Amino acid sequence: MLSHYVREMKFGPSISLTFQGKVGAMEIGDCDNDNKNEIIIGSINGYLAIYKSNLNNISSNLFASLSYKNVNEAIYDFPNVKPSYQAENLGAITCILVCHNLWTNNNNKDDQCLLVCTTQGIMHIFIFDDSIKSDNNNEIINIKPNFSLFIPDNTSAISNAIINHENMLIFGTRSRQIHIYKKSIQSKENDYNIESIKMISLTSQINALATCMIMNNLYLLVGLENGTIFISLKEKDNFKVLDQLFNDNDKRVLVTNINKDNL
């Protein structure tokens, strides 16, 4: 039981995009810092495609900012079924995340960061700046990672969160582990690295990760093969694993229907 409230959900019209291989991951976000969201798709064959929208004068949260009367226009405003950017030979892509200024050296710039994770334990980082942007909608720009880092093998999900005033990366794996990383201190300008600060072992394969604020506390929601658990991201809780957030008698019920002992 997740909520007292049931909200109606409507599906808009579908679109067809040109893509190579079998889809392994998808993300929607503003990866090139143009204040418009892109559709980003990665394949298990190592192909990455980024599709741009032509909508103007809207907030960076493309779909959430639209009313029902113009959502059809928004869905169809991907005029080219071809991607605007593409990359190849990245490995088997399993999850993608758009982040804000994770590795931007110039704090005055507002560059976005695209993280592409593979099951082989490699994370490719694309930092979009003016040098790779194009206004030509008919041109497919081939891009390469700015750099790549080692991450846990079999990574299947990624998220990020501000923990102890630091922007940290959280990885979930098919090996039933949660890994929390922070940026390493840079000894020189282009010295990019991350270091592990916490590893949590679970008893089921991890399929999805998401963070949320509940009653002014930050939690990590972990989607497992057979349910959902919560992990407190407060330092004093030492990343405690919870199978429910409130007592059953609390009116603000937000619990999962699984028991950790039965995982």
Protein backbone atom coordinates (compact mmCIF):
# COMPACT_ATOMS: atom_id res chain seq x y z
CA MET A 1 0.00 0.00 0.00
CA LEU A 2 1.79 3.18 -1.17
CA SER A 3 -0.83 5.90 -0.76
CA HIS A 4 -4.44 6.68 0.11
CA TYR A 5 -4.80 8.56 -3.16
CA VAL A 6 -5.28 7.22 -6.68
CA ARG A 7 -4.50 9.60 -9.51
CA GLU A 8 -5.56 9.20 -13.10
CA MET A 9 -2.79 8.65 -15.61
CA LYS A 10 -3.15 9.27 -19.33
CA PHE A 11 -0.86 8.08 -22.08
CA GLY A 12 -0.10 10.46 -24.93
CA PRO A 13 0.56 9.50 -28.53
CA SER A 14 3.66 7.46 -29.26
CA ILE A 15 6.63 8.41 -31.41
CA SER A 16 9.04 6.28 -33.40
CA LEU A 17 12.79 6.94 -33.18
CA THR A 18 15.65 5.52 -35.20
CA PHE A 19 17.83 3.40 -32.91
CA GLN A 20 20.45 0.68 -33.20
CA GLY A 21 20.39 -2.49 -31.11
CA LYS A 22 18.39 -3.59 -28.08
CA VAL A 23 17.50 -0.92 -25.54
CA GLY A 24 19.35 -1.31 -22.25
CA ALA A 25 18.62 2.06 -20.59
CA MET A 26 16.72 5.29 -21.12
CA GLU A 27 16.73 8.73 -19.49
CA ILE A 28 14.98 12.07 -20.03
CA GLY A 29 16.91 15.17 -19.03
CA ASP A 30 18.70 18.30 -20.16
CA CYS A 31 22.12 16.82 -20.91
CA ASP A 32 23.42 19.64 -23.14
CA ASN A 33 22.33 22.60 -21.00
CA ASP A 34 19.91 24.17 -23.51
CA ASN A 35 17.03 24.31 -20.98
CA LYS A 36 15.13 21.64 -22.94
CA ASN A 37 14.99 17.96 -22.10
CA GLU A 38 16.41 15.34 -24.42
CA ILE A 39 15.50 11.66 -24.78
CA ILE A 40 18.64 9.58 -24.15
CA ILE A 41 18.72 5.88 -25.04
CA GLY A 42 21.53 3.36 -24.62
CA SER A 43 21.76 -0.16 -25.98
CA ILE A 44 23.32 -3.34 -24.68
CA ASN A 45 25.37 -3.24 -27.89
CA GLY A 46 27.18 -0.09 -26.74
CA TYR A 47 25.27 2.48 -28.81
CA LEU A 48 24.12 5.79 -27.27
CA ALA A 49 21.60 8.09 -28.98
CA ILE A 50 20.40 11.53 -27.84
CA TYR A 51 17.24 13.02 -29.38
CA LYS A 52 16.61 16.75 -29.07
CA SER A 53 13.30 18.59 -28.81
CA ASN A 54 12.51 21.84 -30.63
CA LEU A 55 10.24 23.31 -27.97
CA ASN A 56 11.09 26.87 -26.93
CA ASN A 57 10.39 29.05 -23.91
CA ILE A 58 9.61 26.34 -21.41
CA SER A 59 11.26 25.20 -18.23
CA SER A 60 13.95 22.51 -18.20
CA ASN A 61 11.39 20.02 -16.87
CA LEU A 62 9.86 19.50 -20.31
CA PHE A 63 6.93 17.20 -19.72
CA ALA A 64 6.02 18.32 -16.19
CA SER A 65 5.65 21.92 -17.34
CA LEU A 66 3.07 21.19 -20.02
CA SER A 67 -0.68 21.33 -19.68
CA TYR A 68 -2.97 18.64 -21.05
CA LYS A 69 -4.00 20.83 -23.99
CA ASN A 70 -0.50 20.98 -25.47
CA VAL A 71 1.04 17.70 -24.36
CA ASN A 72 0.35 16.18 -27.80
CA GLU A 73 2.28 19.00 -29.43
CA ALA A 74 5.17 18.39 -27.03
CA ILE A 75 5.33 14.66 -27.69
CA TYR A 76 5.37 15.20 -31.42
CA ASP A 77 7.93 18.01 -31.29
CA PHE A 78 10.84 15.67 -31.90
CA PRO A 79 10.85 16.42 -35.64
CA ASN A 80 13.79 14.19 -36.50
CA VAL A 81 13.54 10.50 -35.77
CA LYS A 82 17.32 10.51 -36.08
CA PRO A 83 19.41 11.36 -33.00
CA SER A 84 21.18 14.69 -32.68
CA TYR A 85 24.15 13.10 -30.88
CA GLN A 86 25.42 9.54 -30.93
CA ALA A 87 28.28 7.47 -29.52
CA GLU A 88 29.33 3.89 -30.19
CA ASN A 89 31.39 1.05 -28.69
CA LEU A 90 30.66 2.01 -25.08
CA GLY A 91 29.94 -1.49 -23.76
CA ALA A 92 26.63 -2.97 -22.61
CA ILE A 93 24.76 0.11 -21.32
CA THR A 94 22.54 -0.65 -18.33
CA CYS A 95 21.72 2.78 -16.81
CA ILE A 96 22.03 6.48 -17.61
CA LEU A 97 21.89 9.60 -15.44
CA VAL A 98 21.98 13.34 -16.15
CA CYS A 99 23.79 15.28 -13.41
CA HIS A 100 24.54 18.92 -12.76
CA ASN A 101 28.15 20.18 -12.52
CA LEU A 102 29.67 17.02 -11.08
CA TRP A 103 33.03 17.54 -12.77
CA THR A 104 32.92 21.13 -13.97
CA ASN A 105 36.12 22.91 -13.02
CA ASN A 106 34.79 26.38 -13.76
CA ASN A 107 32.11 27.06 -11.14
CA ASN A 108 30.74 29.95 -13.20
CA LYS A 109 29.66 27.60 -15.97
CA ASP A 110 26.48 25.60 -15.90
CA ASP A 111 27.62 22.52 -17.81
CA GLN A 112 25.59 19.34 -17.58
CA CYS A 113 27.10 15.92 -17.11
CA LEU A 114 25.81 12.71 -18.71
CA LEU A 115 26.79 9.48 -16.95
CA VAL A 116 26.53 6.25 -18.95
CA CYS A 117 27.12 3.03 -16.99
CA THR A 118 27.89 -0.40 -18.38
CA THR A 119 27.63 -3.89 -16.99
CA GLN A 120 31.39 -4.28 -17.55
CA GLY A 121 32.05 -1.86 -14.68
CA ILE A 122 32.86 1.29 -16.67
CA MET A 123 31.11 4.66 -16.39
CA HIS A 124 31.51 7.02 -19.35
CA ILE A 125 31.19 10.74 -18.57
CA PHE A 126 30.08 13.20 -21.25
CA ILE A 127 30.36 16.91 -20.39
CA PHE A 128 28.51 19.07 -22.91
CA ASP A 129 29.88 22.50 -23.71
CA ASP A 130 29.71 24.94 -26.61
CA SER A 131 32.35 23.03 -28.57
CA ILE A 132 30.03 20.11 -29.34
CA LYS A 133 26.68 21.88 -29.66
CA SER A 134 25.05 22.37 -33.03
CA ASP A 135 21.92 24.15 -34.23
CA ASN A 136 21.71 21.98 -37.33
CA ASN A 137 18.81 19.61 -36.71
CA ASN A 138 19.80 17.45 -39.68
CA GLU A 139 23.33 16.81 -38.45
CA ILE A 140 24.19 13.81 -36.28
CA ILE A 141 27.15 14.71 -34.10
CA ASN A 142 29.43 11.85 -33.08
CA ILE A 143 30.58 12.32 -29.50
CA LYS A 144 33.08 10.57 -27.27
CA PRO A 145 33.31 10.46 -23.48
CA ASN A 146 35.38 13.19 -21.87
CA PHE A 147 36.69 10.47 -19.59
CA SER A 148 35.72 7.08 -18.15
CA LEU A 149 35.95 5.64 -14.64
CA PHE A 150 35.76 2.20 -13.09
CA ILE A 151 32.59 1.44 -11.13
CA PRO A 152 31.23 -1.83 -9.64
CA ASP A 153 30.72 -4.66 -12.12
CA ASN A 154 27.13 -5.56 -13.03
CA THR A 155 25.86 -2.05 -12.27
CA SER A 156 22.15 -1.99 -13.07
CA ALA A 157 20.95 1.33 -11.57
CA ILE A 158 22.38 4.75 -10.74
CA SER A 159 21.24 7.77 -8.76
CA ASN A 160 22.82 10.75 -7.05
CA ALA A 161 22.12 12.71 -3.89
CA ILE A 162 23.55 15.48 -1.73
CA ILE A 163 24.83 13.66 1.36
CA ASN A 164 26.73 15.55 4.07
CA HIS A 165 26.86 18.57 1.73
CA GLU A 166 28.57 16.55 -1.02
CA ASN A 167 27.13 15.43 -4.35
CA MET A 168 27.50 11.65 -4.28
CA LEU A 169 26.81 8.86 -6.74
CA ILE A 170 24.86 5.75 -5.78
CA PHE A 171 25.13 2.51 -7.78
CA GLY A 172 22.97 -0.59 -7.52
CA THR A 173 24.12 -3.90 -8.96
CA ARG A 174 22.73 -7.20 -10.07
CA SER A 175 25.13 -8.64 -7.50
CA ARG A 176 22.70 -7.35 -4.81
CA GLN A 177 24.85 -4.48 -3.55
CA ILE A 178 24.48 -0.72 -3.09
CA HIS A 179 27.68 1.30 -3.52
CA ILE A 180 27.95 4.96 -2.50
CA TYR A 181 30.80 6.99 -4.02
CA LYS A 182 32.08 10.52 -3.65
CA LYS A 183 34.47 12.51 -5.81
CA SER A 184 38.13 12.17 -4.92
CA ILE A 185 40.08 15.31 -4.12
CA GLN A 186 41.70 16.51 -7.34
CA SER A 187 45.48 16.79 -7.23
CA LYS A 188 45.52 18.52 -10.62
CA GLU A 189 43.00 20.11 -12.97
CA ASN A 190 42.13 17.01 -15.01
CA ASP A 191 42.50 14.43 -12.25
CA TYR A 192 39.00 12.90 -12.17
CA ASN A 193 38.20 9.99 -9.88
CA ILE A 194 35.68 8.67 -7.38
CA GLU A 195 36.12 6.71 -4.17
CA SER A 196 33.80 4.33 -2.35
CA ILE A 197 32.54 5.38 1.08
CA LYS A 198 29.90 2.73 1.74
CA MET A 199 28.80 -0.68 0.48
CA ILE A 200 25.48 -2.23 1.53
CA SER A 201 24.71 -5.88 0.80
CA LEU A 202 21.11 -6.84 0.14
CA THR A 203 19.53 -10.19 -0.64
CA SER A 204 17.91 -9.49 -4.01
CA GLN A 205 18.98 -8.10 -7.37
CA ILE A 206 18.64 -4.32 -7.69
CA ASN A 207 16.62 -3.05 -10.64
CA ALA A 208 16.07 0.66 -9.91
CA LEU A 209 17.11 3.50 -7.59
CA ALA A 210 15.45 6.81 -6.74
CA THR A 211 15.83 9.42 -4.01
CA CYS A 212 13.05 11.36 -2.31
CA MET A 213 12.46 13.71 0.61
CA ILE A 214 9.91 12.47 3.14
CA MET A 215 9.20 14.63 6.20
CA ASN A 216 12.46 16.53 5.64
CA ASN A 217 14.50 13.32 5.56
CA LEU A 218 16.28 12.00 2.48
CA TYR A 219 15.70 8.36 1.54
CA LEU A 220 16.94 6.07 -1.20
CA LEU A 221 14.18 3.91 -2.69
CA VAL A 222 15.60 0.61 -3.91
CA GLY A 223 13.57 -1.38 -6.40
CA LEU A 224 14.34 -5.07 -5.97
CA GLU A 225 13.17 -8.06 -7.95
CA ASN A 226 10.43 -8.74 -5.43
CA GLY A 227 9.59 -5.42 -3.82
CA THR A 228 10.98 -2.11 -2.54
CA ILE A 229 13.04 -1.15 0.48
CA PHE A 230 14.22 2.21 1.83
CA ILE A 231 17.69 3.31 2.90
CA SER A 232 18.10 6.38 5.08
CA LEU A 233 20.70 8.75 3.67
CA LYS A 234 21.16 10.59 6.95
CA GLU A 235 24.68 10.37 8.33
CA LYS A 236 23.53 9.60 11.87
CA ASP A 237 21.48 6.63 10.62
CA ASN A 238 24.58 5.08 9.01
CA PHE A 239 22.58 4.28 5.87
CA LYS A 240 20.11 2.11 7.75
CA VAL A 241 17.97 -0.27 5.65
CA LEU A 242 14.24 0.00 6.35
CA ASP A 243 11.30 -2.02 5.12
CA GLN A 244 8.81 0.68 6.18
CA LEU A 245 8.88 4.38 6.99
CA PHE A 246 5.93 4.76 9.37
CA ASN A 247 4.02 2.65 11.82
CA ASP A 248 1.04 0.78 10.44
CA ASN A 249 -1.30 2.89 12.59
CA ASP A 250 0.08 6.18 11.27
CA LYS A 251 -2.33 8.00 8.97
CA ARG A 252 0.59 8.93 6.67
CA VAL A 253 1.09 5.32 5.68
CA LEU A 254 3.89 4.74 3.19
CA VAL A 255 5.07 1.16 3.54
CA THR A 256 6.18 -1.66 1.36
CA ASN A 257 4.52 -5.01 1.28
CA ILE A 258 7.71 -7.00 1.82
CA ASN A 259 9.54 -8.19 4.85
CA LYS A 260 13.32 -8.11 4.81
CA ASP A 261 13.39 -11.54 6.42
CA ASN A 262 11.55 -12.95 3.40
CA LEU A 263 13.75 -11.39 0.72
